[in-house]
PDB file of N, CA and C in Angstrom:
ATOM      1  N   ALA A   1      20.255-114.542 220.349  1.00  0.00           N
ATOM      2  CA  ALA A   1      18.610-114.390 220.140  1.00  0.00           C
ATOM      3  C   ALA A   1      17.683-113.390 220.966  1.00  0.00           C
ATOM      4  N   ARG A   2      17.609-113.464 222.063  1.00  0.00           N
ATOM      5  CA  ARG A   2      16.817-112.464 222.963  1.00  0.00           C
ATOM      6  C   ARG A   2      16.829-111.296 222.437  1.00  0.00           C
ATOM      7  N   PRO A   3      18.219-110.655 222.361  1.00  0.00           N
ATOM      8  CA  PRO A   3      18.194-109.299 222.326  1.00  0.00           C
ATOM      9  C   PRO A   3      17.434-109.231 220.455  1.00  0.00           C
ATOM     10  N   CYS A   4      17.204-109.882 219.915  1.00  0.00           N
ATOM     11  CA  CYS A   4      16.767-109.279 218.523  1.00  0.00           C
ATOM     12  C   CYS A   4      15.406-109.628 218.609  1.00  0.00           C
ATOM     13  N   LEU A   5      14.820-110.591 219.585  1.00  0.00           N
ATOM     14  CA  LEU A   5      13.231-110.263 220.108  1.00  0.00           C
ATOM     15  C   LEU A   5      12.727-108.863 220.666  1.00  0.00           C
ATOM     16  N   HIS A   6      13.676-108.956 221.644  1.00  0.00           N
ATOM     17  CA  HIS A   6      13.336-107.534 222.332  1.00  0.00           C
ATOM     18  C   HIS A   6      13.484-106.543 221.483  1.00  0.00           C
ATOM     19  N   LEU A   7      14.113-106.414 220.441  1.00  0.00           N
ATOM     20  CA  LEU A   7      14.366-105.129 219.520  1.00  0.00           C
ATOM     21  C   LEU A   7      13.672-105.080 218.286  1.00  0.00           C
ATOM     22  N   GLY A   8      12.824-106.383 218.156  1.00  0.00           N
ATOM     23  CA  GLY A   8      12.324-106.690 216.650  1.00  0.00           C
ATOM     24  C   GLY A   8      13.074-106.431 215.560  1.00  0.00           C
ATOM     25  N   ALA A   9      14.452-106.960 215.633  1.00  0.00           N
ATOM     26  CA  ALA A   9      15.203-106.697 214.632  1.00  0.00           C
ATOM     27  C   ALA A   9      15.036-108.372 213.766  1.00  0.00           C
ATOM     28  N   ALA A  10      14.020-108.116 212.886  1.00  0.00           N
ATOM     29  CA  ALA A  10      13.913-109.551 212.001  1.00  0.00           C
ATOM     30  C   ALA A  10      15.448-109.563 210.866  1.00  0.00           C
ATOM     31  N   ARG A  11      15.591-108.561 210.863  1.00  0.00           N
ATOM     32  CA  ARG A  11      17.025-108.509 210.010  1.00  0.00           C
ATOM     33  C   ARG A  11      18.308-109.105 210.384  1.00  0.00           C
ATOM     34  N   ASP A  12      18.391-108.691 211.536  1.00  0.00           N
ATOM     35  CA  ASP A  12      19.299-109.321 212.238  1.00  0.00           C
ATOM     36  C   ASP A  12      19.229-110.728 212.645  1.00  0.00           C
ATOM     37  N   ALA A  13      18.089-110.895 213.413  1.00  0.00           N
ATOM     38  CA  ALA A  13      17.946-112.403 213.733  1.00  0.00           C
ATOM     39  C   ALA A  13      17.658-113.665 212.041  1.00  0.00           C
ATOM     40  N   ALA A  14      17.146-112.716 211.387  1.00  0.00           N
ATOM     41  CA  ALA A  14      17.614-113.615 210.008  1.00  0.00           C
ATOM     42  C   ALA A  14      19.280-114.147 209.841  1.00  0.00           C
ATOM     43  N   PHE A  15      19.989-112.947 209.864  1.00  0.00           N
ATOM     44  CA  PHE A  15      21.543-113.312 209.861  1.00  0.00           C
ATOM     45  C   PHE A  15      21.806-114.373 210.821  1.00  0.00           C
ATOM     46  N   PHE A  16      21.442-113.988 211.926  1.00  0.00           N
ATOM     47  CA  PHE A  16      22.027-115.285 213.145  1.00  0.00           C
ATOM     48  C   PHE A  16      21.110-116.546 212.638  1.00  0.00           C
ATOM     49  N   TYR A  17      20.281-116.263 212.542  1.00  0.00           N
ATOM     50  CA  TYR A  17      19.420-117.615 212.261  1.00  0.00           C
ATOM     51  C   TYR A  17      20.561-118.457 211.062  1.00  0.00           C
ATOM     52  N   GLU A  18      20.605-117.821 210.010  1.00  0.00           N
ATOM     53  CA  GLU A  18      21.420-118.675 208.757  1.00  0.00           C
ATOM     54  C   GLU A  18      22.495-119.113 209.300  1.00  0.00           C
ATOM     55  N   ALA A  19      23.569-118.276 210.203  1.00  0.00           N
ATOM     56  CA  ALA A  19      24.469-118.290 210.759  1.00  0.00           C
ATOM     57  C   ALA A  19      24.349-119.334 211.289  1.00  0.00           C
ATOM     58  N   LEU A  20      23.703-119.672 212.630  1.00  0.00           N
ATOM     59  CA  LEU A  20      23.561-121.010 213.288  1.00  0.00           C
ATOM     60  C   LEU A  20      22.858-122.105 213.001  1.00  0.00           C
ATOM     61  N   LEU A  21      22.118-121.991 211.433  1.00  0.00           N
ATOM     62  CA  LEU A  21      21.471-123.308 211.004  1.00  0.00           C
ATOM     63  C   LEU A  21      22.322-124.534 211.127  1.00  0.00           C
ATOM     64  N   PRO A  22      23.744-124.339 210.320  1.00  0.00           N
ATOM     65  CA  PRO A  22      24.170-125.764 210.168  1.00  0.00           C
ATOM     66  C   PRO A  22      24.579-126.593 211.634  1.00  0.00           C
ATOM     67  N   TRP A  23      24.541-125.686 212.848  1.00  0.00           N
ATOM     68  CA  TRP A  23      25.021-126.289 213.927  1.00  0.00           C
ATOM     69  C   TRP A  23      23.405-126.938 214.514  1.00  0.00           C
ATOM     70  N   SER A  24      22.425-126.827 213.799  1.00  0.00           N
ATOM     71  CA  SER A  24      21.216-127.482 214.622  1.00  0.00           C
ATOM     72  C   SER A  24      21.504-128.784 214.723  1.00  0.00           C
ATOM     73  N   GLY A  25      21.312-129.552 216.176  1.00  0.00           N
ATOM     74  CA  GLY A  25      21.156-130.529 216.959  1.00  0.00           C
ATOM     75  C   GLY A  25      22.240-130.596 217.313  1.00  0.00           C
ATOM     76  N   THR A  26      23.160-129.846 217.681  1.00  0.00           N
ATOM     77  CA  THR A  26      24.328-129.605 218.505  1.00  0.00           C
ATOM     78  C   THR A  26      23.939-128.802 219.581  1.00  0.00           C
ATOM     79  N   TYR A  27      25.162-128.706 220.765  1.00  0.00           N
ATOM     80  CA  TYR A  27      25.097-128.013 222.148  1.00  0.00           C
ATOM     81  C   TYR A  27      26.080-126.816 221.825  1.00  0.00           C
ATOM     82  N   VAL A  28      25.752-125.467 222.607  1.00  0.00           N
ATOM     83  CA  VAL A  28      26.727-124.671 222.847  1.00  0.00           C
ATOM     84  C   VAL A  28      27.517-125.118 224.021  1.00  0.00           C
ATOM     85  N   ILE A  29      28.589-125.170 224.009  1.00  0.00           N
ATOM     86  CA  ILE A  29      29.375-125.497 224.992  1.00  0.00           C
ATOM     87  C   ILE A  29      30.440-124.419 225.251  1.00  0.00           C
ATOM     88  N   SER A  30      30.642-123.992 226.433  1.00  0.00           N
ATOM     89  CA  SER A  30      31.923-122.792 226.804  1.00  0.00           C
ATOM     90  C   SER A  30      32.994-122.999 226.656  1.00  0.00           C
ATOM     91  N   PRO A  31      34.219-122.249 226.244  1.00  0.00           N
ATOM     92  CA  PRO A  31      35.320-123.136 226.432  1.00  0.00           C
ATOM     93  C   PRO A  31      35.888-124.234 227.369  1.00  0.00           C
ATOM     94  N   LEU A  32      36.860-124.841 227.046  1.00  0.00           N
ATOM     95  CA  LEU A  32      37.185-125.688 228.158  1.00  0.00           C
ATOM     96  C   LEU A  32      36.097-126.593 228.648  1.00  0.00           C
ATOM     97  N   GLY A  33      34.714-126.447 227.880  1.00  0.00           N
ATOM     98  CA  GLY A  33      33.732-127.595 229.063  1.00  0.00           C
ATOM     99  C   GLY A  33      32.925-127.336 229.708  1.00  0.00           C
ATOM    100  N   VAL A  34      33.381-126.235 230.569  1.00  0.00           N
ATOM    101  CA  VAL A  34      33.130-125.493 232.013  1.00  0.00           C
ATOM    102  C   VAL A  34      31.153-125.969 232.015  1.00  0.00           C
ATOM    103  N   ALA A  35      30.580-125.199 231.039  1.00  0.00           N
ATOM    104  CA  ALA A  35      29.520-125.138 230.978  1.00  0.00           C
ATOM    105  C   ALA A  35      28.732-125.620 229.709  1.00  0.00           C
ATOM    106  N   CYS A  36      27.457-125.883 229.835  1.00  0.00           N
ATOM    107  CA  CYS A  36      26.795-126.213 228.445  1.00  0.00           C
ATOM    108  C   CYS A  36      25.703-125.362 228.640  1.00  0.00           C
ATOM    109  N   LEU A  37      25.773-124.540 227.723  1.00  0.00           N
ATOM    110  CA  LEU A  37      24.605-123.194 227.595  1.00  0.00           C
ATOM    111  C   LEU A  37      23.256-123.947 226.829  1.00  0.00           C
ATOM    112  N   GLY A  38      23.438-124.735 226.063  1.00  0.00           N
ATOM    113  CA  GLY A  38      21.890-125.752 225.518  1.00  0.00           C
ATOM    114  C   GLY A  38      21.681-126.028 224.584  1.00  0.00           C
ATOM    115  N   PRO A  39      21.325-126.826 223.992  1.00  0.00           N
ATOM    116  CA  PRO A  39      21.177-127.174 222.435  1.00  0.00           C
ATOM    117  C   PRO A  39      21.299-125.551 221.437  1.00  0.00           C
ATOM    118  N   VAL A  40      21.681-125.626 220.388  1.00  0.00           N
ATOM    119  CA  VAL A  40      21.669-124.725 219.226  1.00  0.00           C
ATOM    120  C   VAL A  40      20.080-124.445 218.746  1.00  0.00           C
ATOM    121  N   ASP A  41      19.446-125.248 218.859  1.00  0.00           N
ATOM    122  CA  ASP A  41      18.033-125.214 218.369  1.00  0.00           C
ATOM    123  C   ASP A  41      17.352-124.204 219.401  1.00  0.00           C
ATOM    124  N   ALA A  42      17.798-123.889 220.711  1.00  0.00           N
ATOM    125  CA  ALA A  42      17.427-123.444 221.601  1.00  0.00           C
ATOM    126  C   ALA A  42      17.383-122.065 221.230  1.00  0.00           C
ATOM    127  N   PHE A  43      18.363-121.703 220.390  1.00  0.00           N
ATOM    128  CA  PHE A  43      18.693-120.327 219.947  1.00  0.00           C
ATOM    129  C   PHE A  43      17.948-119.971 218.580  1.00  0.00           C
ATOM    130  N   LEU A  44      17.881-120.985 217.765  1.00  0.00           N
ATOM    131  CA  LEU A  44      17.427-120.923 216.593  1.00  0.00           C
ATOM    132  C   LEU A  44      15.510-120.882 216.574  1.00  0.00           C
ATOM    133  N   GLY A  45      15.225-121.360 217.848  1.00  0.00           N
ATOM    134  CA  GLY A  45      13.846-121.231 217.438  1.00  0.00           C
ATOM    135  C   GLY A  45      13.510-119.779 218.259  1.00  0.00           C
ATOM    136  N   PRO A  46      13.895-118.922 218.931  1.00  0.00           N
ATOM    137  CA  PRO A  46      13.515-117.681 218.686  1.00  0.00           C
ATOM    138  C   PRO A  46      14.227-116.780 217.847  1.00  0.00           C
ATOM    139  N   LEU A  47      15.063-116.851 217.436  1.00  0.00           N
ATOM    140  CA  LEU A  47      15.494-116.463 216.041  1.00  0.00           C
ATOM    141  C   LEU A  47      14.776-116.461 214.846  1.00  0.00           C
ATOM    142  N   ALA A  48      14.302-117.908 214.579  1.00  0.00           N
ATOM    143  CA  ALA A  48      13.540-117.855 213.332  1.00  0.00           C
ATOM    144  C   ALA A  48      12.090-117.155 213.885  1.00  0.00           C
ATOM    145  N   GLU A  49      11.848-117.530 214.796  1.00  0.00           N
ATOM    146  CA  GLU A  49      10.330-116.570 215.150  1.00  0.00           C
ATOM    147  C   GLU A  49      10.571-115.389 215.082  1.00  0.00           C
ATOM    148  N   CYS A  50      11.539-114.516 215.431  1.00  0.00           N
ATOM    149  CA  CYS A  50      11.651-112.996 215.500  1.00  0.00           C
ATOM    150  C   CYS A  50      11.866-112.887 213.650  1.00  0.00           C
ATOM    151  N   ALA A  51      12.695-113.925 213.073  1.00  0.00           N
ATOM    152  CA  ALA A  51      12.729-113.561 211.576  1.00  0.00           C
ATOM    153  C   ALA A  51      11.482-113.677 210.621  1.00  0.00           C
ATOM    154  N   GLY A  52      10.370-114.255 211.469  1.00  0.00           N
ATOM    155  CA  GLY A  52       9.163-114.804 210.698  1.00  0.00           C
ATOM    156  C   GLY A  52       8.757-116.209 210.141  1.00  0.00           C
ATOM    157  N   TYR A  53       9.929-116.694 210.755  1.00  0.00           N
ATOM    158  CA  TYR A  53       9.459-118.175 210.461  1.00  0.00           C
ATOM    159  C   TYR A  53       8.973-119.174 211.427  1.00  0.00           C
ATOM    160  N   TRP A  54       7.473-118.727 211.504  1.00  0.00           N
ATOM    161  CA  TRP A  54       6.912-119.346 212.799  1.00  0.00           C
ATOM    162  C   TRP A  54       6.977-120.607 212.997  1.00  0.00           C
ATOM    163  N   LYS A  55       6.966-121.538 211.720  1.00  0.00           N
ATOM    164  CA  LYS A  55       6.922-122.762 211.270  1.00  0.00           C
ATOM    165  C   LYS A  55       8.290-123.369 212.071  1.00  0.00           C
ATOM    166  N   ASP A  56       9.285-123.138 211.393  1.00  0.00           N
ATOM    167  CA  ASP A  56      10.440-123.582 211.955  1.00  0.00           C
ATOM    168  C   ASP A  56      10.539-123.053 213.344  1.00  0.00           C
ATOM    169  N   ALA A  57      10.471-122.241 213.962  1.00  0.00           N
ATOM    170  CA  ALA A  57      10.467-121.720 215.368  1.00  0.00           C
ATOM    171  C   ALA A  57      10.116-122.722 215.910  1.00  0.00           C
ATOM    172  N   MET A  58       8.592-123.333 215.813  1.00  0.00           N
ATOM    173  CA  MET A  58       8.270-123.987 216.749  1.00  0.00           C
ATOM    174  C   MET A  58       9.007-125.445 216.473  1.00  0.00           C
ATOM    175  N   ARG A  59       9.612-125.719 215.234  1.00  0.00           N
ATOM    176  CA  ARG A  59       9.939-126.940 215.022  1.00  0.00           C
ATOM    177  C   ARG A  59      11.485-127.543 215.923  1.00  0.00           C
ATOM    178  N   TYR A  60      12.161-125.853 216.075  1.00  0.00           N
ATOM    179  CA  TYR A  60      13.486-125.808 216.519  1.00  0.00           C
ATOM    180  C   TYR A  60      12.798-125.820 218.519  1.00  0.00           C
ATOM    181  N   TYR A  61      12.045-125.156 218.663  1.00  0.00           N
ATOM    182  CA  TYR A  61      12.014-125.208 219.902  1.00  0.00           C
ATOM    183  C   TYR A  61      11.505-126.648 220.333  1.00  0.00           C
ATOM    184  N   GLU A  62      10.703-127.343 219.974  1.00  0.00           N
ATOM    185  CA  GLU A  62      10.171-128.641 220.234  1.00  0.00           C
ATOM    186  C   GLU A  62      11.835-129.774 220.132  1.00  0.00           C
ATOM    187  N   ALA A  63      12.751-129.633 219.079  1.00  0.00           N
ATOM    188  CA  ALA A  63      13.846-130.310 219.155  1.00  0.00           C
ATOM    189  C   ALA A  63      14.851-129.879 220.367  1.00  0.00           C
ATOM    190  N   ALA A  64      14.580-128.720 220.715  1.00  0.00           N
ATOM    191  CA  ALA A  64      15.340-128.597 221.604  1.00  0.00           C
ATOM    192  C   ALA A  64      14.919-128.825 222.939  1.00  0.00           C
ATOM    193  N   LEU A  65      13.480-129.011 222.843  1.00  0.00           N
ATOM    194  CA  LEU A  65      12.717-129.675 224.446  1.00  0.00           C
ATOM    195  C   LEU A  65      13.678-131.462 224.138  1.00  0.00           C
ATOM    196  N   ASP A  66      13.118-131.880 222.901  1.00  0.00           N
ATOM    197  CA  ASP A  66      13.557-133.344 223.012  1.00  0.00           C
ATOM    198  C   ASP A  66      15.050-133.371 223.165  1.00  0.00           C
ATOM    199  N   SER A  67      15.991-132.552 223.028  1.00  0.00           N
ATOM    200  CA  SER A  67      17.201-132.375 222.810  1.00  0.00           C
ATOM    201  C   SER A  67      17.605-132.668 224.567  1.00  0.00           C
ATOM    202  N   VAL A  68      17.182-131.470 225.594  1.00  0.00           N
ATOM    203  CA  VAL A  68      17.722-131.127 226.923  1.00  0.00           C
ATOM    204  C   VAL A  68      16.799-132.555 227.502  1.00  0.00           C
ATOM    205  N   ASP A  69      15.772-133.040 226.747  1.00  0.00           N
ATOM    206  CA  ASP A  69      15.252-134.422 227.493  1.00  0.00           C
ATOM    207  C   ASP A  69      16.358-135.666 227.892  1.00  0.00           C
ATOM    208  N   ARG A  70      17.035-135.596 226.558  1.00  0.00           N
ATOM    209  CA  ARG A  70      17.761-137.000 226.833  1.00  0.00           C
ATOM    210  C   ARG A  70      18.935-136.503 227.623  1.00  0.00           C
ATOM    211  N   ILE A  71      19.105-135.634 227.989  1.00  0.00           N
ATOM    212  CA  ILE A  71      20.598-135.083 228.631  1.00  0.00           C
ATOM    213  C   ILE A  71      20.053-134.975 230.533  1.00  0.00           C
ATOM    214  N   GLY A  72      18.793-134.462 230.244  1.00  0.00           N
ATOM    215  CA  GLY A  72      18.334-134.361 231.612  1.00  0.00           C
ATOM    216  C   GLY A  72      18.609-132.703 232.233  1.00  0.00           C
ATOM    217  N   ASN A  73      18.593-131.804 231.242  1.00  0.00           N
ATOM    218  CA  ASN A  73      19.075-130.528 231.902  1.00  0.00           C
ATOM    219  C   ASN A  73      17.545-129.838 232.348  1.00  0.00           C
ATOM    220  N   ARG A  74      17.252-129.753 233.210  1.00  0.00           N
ATOM    221  CA  ARG A  74      16.101-129.034 233.899  1.00  0.00           C
ATOM    222  C   ARG A  74      16.102-127.426 233.724  1.00  0.00           C
ATOM    223  N   PRO A  75      17.301-127.401 234.207  1.00  0.00           N
ATOM    224  CA  PRO A  75      17.114-125.475 234.241  1.00  0.00           C
ATOM    225  C   PRO A  75      17.246-125.184 232.736  1.00  0.00           C
ATOM    226  N   VAL A  76      17.873-125.823 231.759  1.00  0.00           N
ATOM    227  CA  VAL A  76      17.731-125.180 230.429  1.00  0.00           C
ATOM    228  C   VAL A  76      16.624-125.790 229.716  1.00  0.00           C
ATOM    229  N   ARG A  77      16.147-126.647 229.999  1.00  0.00           N
ATOM    230  CA  ARG A  77      14.594-127.025 229.686  1.00  0.00           C
ATOM    231  C   ARG A  77      13.640-125.903 230.462  1.00  0.00           C
ATOM    232  N   ALA A  78      13.766-125.346 231.532  1.00  0.00           N
ATOM    233  CA  ALA A  78      12.584-124.265 231.919  1.00  0.00           C
ATOM    234  C   ALA A  78      12.663-123.493 231.262  1.00  0.00           C
ATOM    235  N   HIS A  79      13.963-122.907 230.666  1.00  0.00           N
ATOM    236  CA  HIS A  79      14.246-121.639 229.856  1.00  0.00           C
ATOM    237  C   HIS A  79      13.719-121.801 228.616  1.00  0.00           C
ATOM    238  N   ILE A  80      13.818-123.067 228.192  1.00  0.00           N
ATOM    239  CA  ILE A  80      12.871-123.222 226.740  1.00  0.00           C
ATOM    240  C   ILE A  80      11.713-123.251 226.716  1.00  0.00           C
ATOM    241  N   GLN A  81      10.958-123.767 227.555  1.00  0.00           N
ATOM    242  CA  GLN A  81       9.496-123.961 227.694  1.00  0.00           C
ATOM    243  C   GLN A  81       9.083-122.278 228.168  1.00  0.00           C
ATOM    244  N   TYR A  82       9.645-121.740 228.537  1.00  0.00           N
ATOM    245  CA  TYR A  82       9.092-120.284 228.882  1.00  0.00           C
ATOM    246  C   TYR A  82       9.450-119.749 227.422  1.00  0.00           C
ATOM    247  N   GLU A  83      10.274-119.852 226.613  1.00  0.00           N
ATOM    248  CA  GLU A  83      10.813-118.996 225.423  1.00  0.00           C
ATOM    249  C   GLU A  83       9.489-119.339 224.526  1.00  0.00           C
ATOM    250  N   TYR A  84       9.278-121.154 224.295  1.00  0.00           N
ATOM    251  CA  TYR A  84       8.426-121.526 223.456  1.00  0.00           C
ATOM    252  C   TYR A  84       6.966-120.698 224.090  1.00  0.00           C
ATOM    253  N   ALA A  85       6.520-121.081 225.044  1.00  0.00           N
ATOM    254  CA  ALA A  85       5.210-120.433 225.670  1.00  0.00           C
ATOM    255  C   ALA A  85       5.204-118.747 225.385  1.00  0.00           C
ATOM    256  N   ARG A  86       6.200-117.947 225.296  1.00  0.00           N
ATOM    257  CA  ARG A  86       6.017-116.825 224.992  1.00  0.00           C
ATOM    258  C   ARG A  86       5.762-116.475 223.631  1.00  0.00           C
ATOM    259  N   GLY A  87       6.548-117.370 222.847  1.00  0.00           N
ATOM    260  CA  GLY A  87       6.443-117.226 221.285  1.00  0.00           C
ATOM    261  C   GLY A  87       4.836-118.067 220.876  1.00  0.00           C
ATOM    262  N   LEU A  88       4.848-118.698 221.641  1.00  0.00           N
ATOM    263  CA  LEU A  88       2.971-119.281 221.476  1.00  0.00           C
ATOM    264  C   LEU A  88       2.018-117.982 222.084  1.00  0.00           C
ATOM    265  N   LEU A  89       2.227-117.595 222.767  1.00  0.00           N
ATOM    266  CA  LEU A  89       1.327-116.587 223.034  1.00  0.00           C
ATOM    267  C   LEU A  89       1.168-115.429 222.382  1.00  0.00           C
ATOM    268  N   GLY A  90       2.659-114.868 221.988  1.00  0.00           N
ATOM    269  CA  GLY A  90       2.991-113.624 221.368  1.00  0.00           C
ATOM    270  C   GLY A  90       2.326-113.861 219.748  1.00  0.00           C
ATOM    271  N   HIS A  91       2.557-115.120 219.104  1.00  0.00           N
ATOM    272  CA  HIS A  91       1.816-115.745 218.271  1.00  0.00           C
ATOM    273  C   HIS A  91       0.536-115.287 218.122  1.00  0.00           C
ATOM    274  N   GLY A  92      -0.245-115.270 218.889  1.00  0.00           N
ATOM    275  CA  GLY A  92      -2.107-114.735 219.086  1.00  0.00           C
ATOM    276  C   GLY A  92      -2.864-116.143 218.771  1.00  0.00           C
ATOM    277  N   LEU A  93      -2.594-116.950 218.769  1.00  0.00           N
ATOM    278  CA  LEU A  93      -3.544-117.825 218.101  1.00  0.00           C
ATOM    279  C   LEU A  93      -3.986-118.388 219.595  1.00  0.00           C
ATOM    280  N   ARG A  94      -5.349-118.828 219.435  1.00  0.00           N
ATOM    281  CA  ARG A  94      -6.091-118.877 220.616  1.00  0.00           C
ATOM    282  C   ARG A  94      -5.685-120.460 221.210  1.00  0.00           C
ATOM    283  N   ARG A  95      -5.831-121.454 220.003  1.00  0.00           N
ATOM    284  CA  ARG A  95      -5.292-122.841 219.938  1.00  0.00           C
ATOM    285  C   ARG A  95      -4.153-123.178 220.935  1.00  0.00           C
ATOM    286  N   HIS A  96      -3.170-122.239 220.694  1.00  0.00           N
ATOM    287  CA  HIS A  96      -1.856-122.432 221.079  1.00  0.00           C
ATOM    288  C   HIS A  96      -2.032-122.027 222.705  1.00  0.00           C
ATOM    289  N   ARG A  97      -2.668-121.382 223.131  1.00  0.00           N
ATOM    290  CA  ARG A  97      -3.101-120.906 224.796  1.00  0.00           C
ATOM    291  C   ARG A  97      -2.497-122.575 225.837  1.00  0.00           C
ATOM    292  N   PRO A  98      -3.515-123.110 225.421  1.00  0.00           N
ATOM    293  CA  PRO A  98      -3.360-124.254 226.472  1.00  0.00           C
ATOM    294  C   PRO A  98      -2.254-124.844 226.747  1.00  0.00           C
ATOM    295  N   VAL A  99      -1.404-125.284 225.539  1.00  0.00           N
ATOM    296  CA  VAL A  99       0.154-125.444 225.144  1.00  0.00           C
ATOM    297  C   VAL A  99       1.078-124.553 225.692  1.00  0.00           C
ATOM    298  N   ALA A 100       0.929-123.757 225.429  1.00  0.00           N
ATOM    299  CA  ALA A 100       1.572-122.376 226.369  1.00  0.00           C
ATOM    300  C   ALA A 100       1.472-122.271 227.681  1.00  0.00           C
ATOM    301  N   MET A 101       0.425-122.288 228.128  1.00  0.00           N
ATOM    302  CA  MET A 101       0.133-122.590 229.731  1.00  0.00           C
ATOM    303  C   MET A 101       0.416-123.816 230.224  1.00  0.00           C
ATOM    304  N   GLU A 102       0.255-124.739 229.688  1.00  0.00           N
ATOM    305  CA  GLU A 102       1.326-126.264 230.069  1.00  0.00           C
ATOM    306  C   GLU A 102       2.988-125.945 230.342  1.00  0.00           C
ATOM    307  N   LEU A 103       3.411-125.263 229.410  1.00  0.00           N
ATOM    308  CA  LEU A 103       4.774-125.535 229.353  1.00  0.00           C
ATOM    309  C   LEU A 103       5.119-124.205 230.496  1.00  0.00           C
ATOM    310  N   LEU A 104       4.355-123.093 230.459  1.00  0.00           N
ATOM    311  CA  LEU A 104       4.585-122.218 231.740  1.00  0.00           C
ATOM    312  C   LEU A 104       4.531-122.853 232.912  1.00  0.00           C
ATOM    313  N   THR A 105       3.452-123.743 232.929  1.00  0.00           N
ATOM    314  CA  THR A 105       3.277-124.285 234.636  1.00  0.00           C
ATOM    315  C   THR A 105       4.600-125.294 235.067  1.00  0.00           C
ATOM    316  N   ASP A 106       4.966-126.372 234.317  1.00  0.00           N
ATOM    317  CA  ASP A 106       5.920-126.748 234.195  1.00  0.00           C
ATOM    318  C   ASP A 106       7.303-126.081 234.486  1.00  0.00           C
ATOM    319  N   ALA A 107       7.738-125.200 233.589  1.00  0.00           N
ATOM    320  CA  ALA A 107       8.553-124.331 233.904  1.00  0.00           C
ATOM    321  C   ALA A 107       8.764-123.524 234.999  1.00  0.00           C
ATOM    322  N   GLU A 108       7.857-123.090 235.594  1.00  0.00           N
ATOM    323  CA  GLU A 108       7.343-122.600 236.759  1.00  0.00           C
ATOM    324  C   GLU A 108       7.705-123.324 238.163  1.00  0.00           C
ATOM    325  N   CYS A 109       7.140-124.613 238.194  1.00  0.00           N
ATOM    326  CA  CYS A 109       7.637-125.807 238.937  1.00  0.00           C
ATOM    327  C   CYS A 109       9.139-125.934 239.129  1.00  0.00           C
ATOM    328  N   VAL A 110       9.776-126.067 238.062  1.00  0.00           N
ATOM    329  CA  VAL A 110      11.067-126.281 237.823  1.00  0.00           C
ATOM    330  C   VAL A 110      12.033-125.144 238.442  1.00  0.00           C
ATOM    331  N   ALA A 111      11.747-124.166 237.864  1.00  0.00           N
ATOM    332  CA  ALA A 111      12.127-122.700 238.337  1.00  0.00           C
ATOM    333  C   ALA A 111      11.885-122.318 239.861  1.00  0.00           C
ATOM    334  N   GLN A 112      11.264-122.856 240.290  1.00  0.00           N
ATOM    335  CA  GLN A 112      10.424-122.461 241.808  1.00  0.00           C
ATOM    336  C   GLN A 112      11.310-123.961 242.727  1.00  0.00           C
ATOM    337  N   GLU A 113      11.712-125.299 242.316  1.00  0.00           N
ATOM    338  CA  GLU A 113      12.463-126.103 242.704  1.00  0.00           C
ATOM    339  C   GLU A 113      13.839-125.561 242.711  1.00  0.00           C
ATOM    340  N   LEU A 114      14.259-125.118 241.448  1.00  0.00           N
ATOM    341  CA  LEU A 114      15.716-124.777 241.452  1.00  0.00           C
ATOM    342  C   LEU A 114      15.946-123.381 242.133  1.00  0.00           C
ATOM    343  N   ASN A 115      14.744-122.566 242.622  1.00  0.00           N
ATOM    344  CA  ASN A 115      15.450-121.142 242.548  1.00  0.00           C
ATOM    345  C   ASN A 115      15.986-120.342 241.973  1.00  0.00           C
ATOM    346  N   LEU A 116      15.252-120.344 240.439  1.00  0.00           N
ATOM    347  CA  LEU A 116      15.659-119.625 239.344  1.00  0.00           C
ATOM    348  C   LEU A 116      14.701-118.482 239.055  1.00  0.00           C
ATOM    349  N   ALA A 117      15.252-117.341 240.291  1.00  0.00           N
ATOM    350  CA  ALA A 117      14.398-116.185 240.581  1.00  0.00           C
ATOM    351  C   ALA A 117      14.181-115.640 239.335  1.00  0.00           C
ATOM    352  N   GLY A 118      15.117-115.298 238.148  1.00  0.00           N
ATOM    353  CA  GLY A 118      14.898-114.488 237.314  1.00  0.00           C
ATOM    354  C   GLY A 118      13.882-115.030 236.204  1.00  0.00           C
ATOM    355  N   LEU A 119      14.066-116.365 235.889  1.00  0.00           N
ATOM    356  CA  LEU A 119      12.936-117.258 235.356  1.00  0.00           C
ATOM    357  C   LEU A 119      11.705-117.621 235.712  1.00  0.00           C
ATOM    358  N   LEU A 120      11.751-117.494 237.131  1.00  0.00           N
ATOM    359  CA  LEU A 120      10.295-117.277 237.768  1.00  0.00           C
ATOM    360  C   LEU A 120       9.889-116.105 237.513  1.00  0.00           C
ATOM    361  N   GLY A 121      10.302-114.946 237.793  1.00  0.00           N
ATOM    362  CA  GLY A 121       9.539-113.411 237.366  1.00  0.00           C
ATOM    363  C   GLY A 121       9.388-113.242 236.216  1.00  0.00           C
ATOM    364  N   TRP A 122      10.067-113.772 235.126  1.00  0.00           N
ATOM    365  CA  TRP A 122       9.750-113.675 233.756  1.00  0.00           C
ATOM    366  C   TRP A 122       8.343-114.430 233.590  1.00  0.00           C
ATOM    367  N   ILE A 123       8.438-115.819 233.964  1.00  0.00           N
ATOM    368  CA  ILE A 123       6.921-116.845 234.014  1.00  0.00           C
ATOM    369  C   ILE A 123       5.738-115.927 234.417  1.00  0.00           C
ATOM    370  N   GLN A 124       6.016-115.614 235.959  1.00  0.00           N
ATOM    371  CA  GLN A 124       4.912-115.234 236.589  1.00  0.00           C
ATOM    372  C   GLN A 124       4.392-113.917 235.644  1.00  0.00           C
ATOM    373  N   THR A 125       5.454-112.805 235.036  1.00  0.00           N
ATOM    374  CA  THR A 125       4.761-111.722 234.114  1.00  0.00           C
ATOM    375  C   THR A 125       4.303-111.975 233.500  1.00  0.00           C
ATOM    376  N   LEU A 126       4.446-112.904 232.519  1.00  0.00           N
ATOM    377  CA  LEU A 126       4.149-113.719 231.119  1.00  0.00           C
ATOM    378  C   LEU A 126       2.544-114.273 231.478  1.00  0.00           C
ATOM    379  N   LYS A 127       2.440-114.740 232.670  1.00  0.00           N
ATOM    380  CA  LYS A 127       1.035-115.209 232.892  1.00  0.00           C
ATOM    381  C   LYS A 127      -0.152-114.264 233.316  1.00  0.00           C
ATOM    382  N   MET A 128       0.095-113.114 233.384  1.00  0.00           N
ATOM    383  CA  MET A 128      -0.612-112.210 233.777  1.00  0.00           C
ATOM    384  C   MET A 128      -1.295-111.705 232.690  1.00  0.00           C
TER     385      MET A 128
END
């Protein structure tokens, strides 16, 4: 999802969005169940955003946050909060700014606590 966003590949994002759509509400688990990469909705959010489906993107970001809250996956939650905040700020509506800043502040606290240096750098860059 992230490469589509960074490259502005709306057509590719729409393709992957449609491919993942049936899996909404499930999780991406590595082979043998070694790692949980998070809810599929966390991937659908940025893909929908890049494809131009902003209202759908917001719904998937919210669903992803609800999903990780149910299992207590704080690192993945912090990443989703960052992605959602980035999308809100990028969408450019002033009314979204307070929500975006709250998401970033929460994500930053978790990133600091869990020493997620990469995420922390992204958050700090976005807050500038």
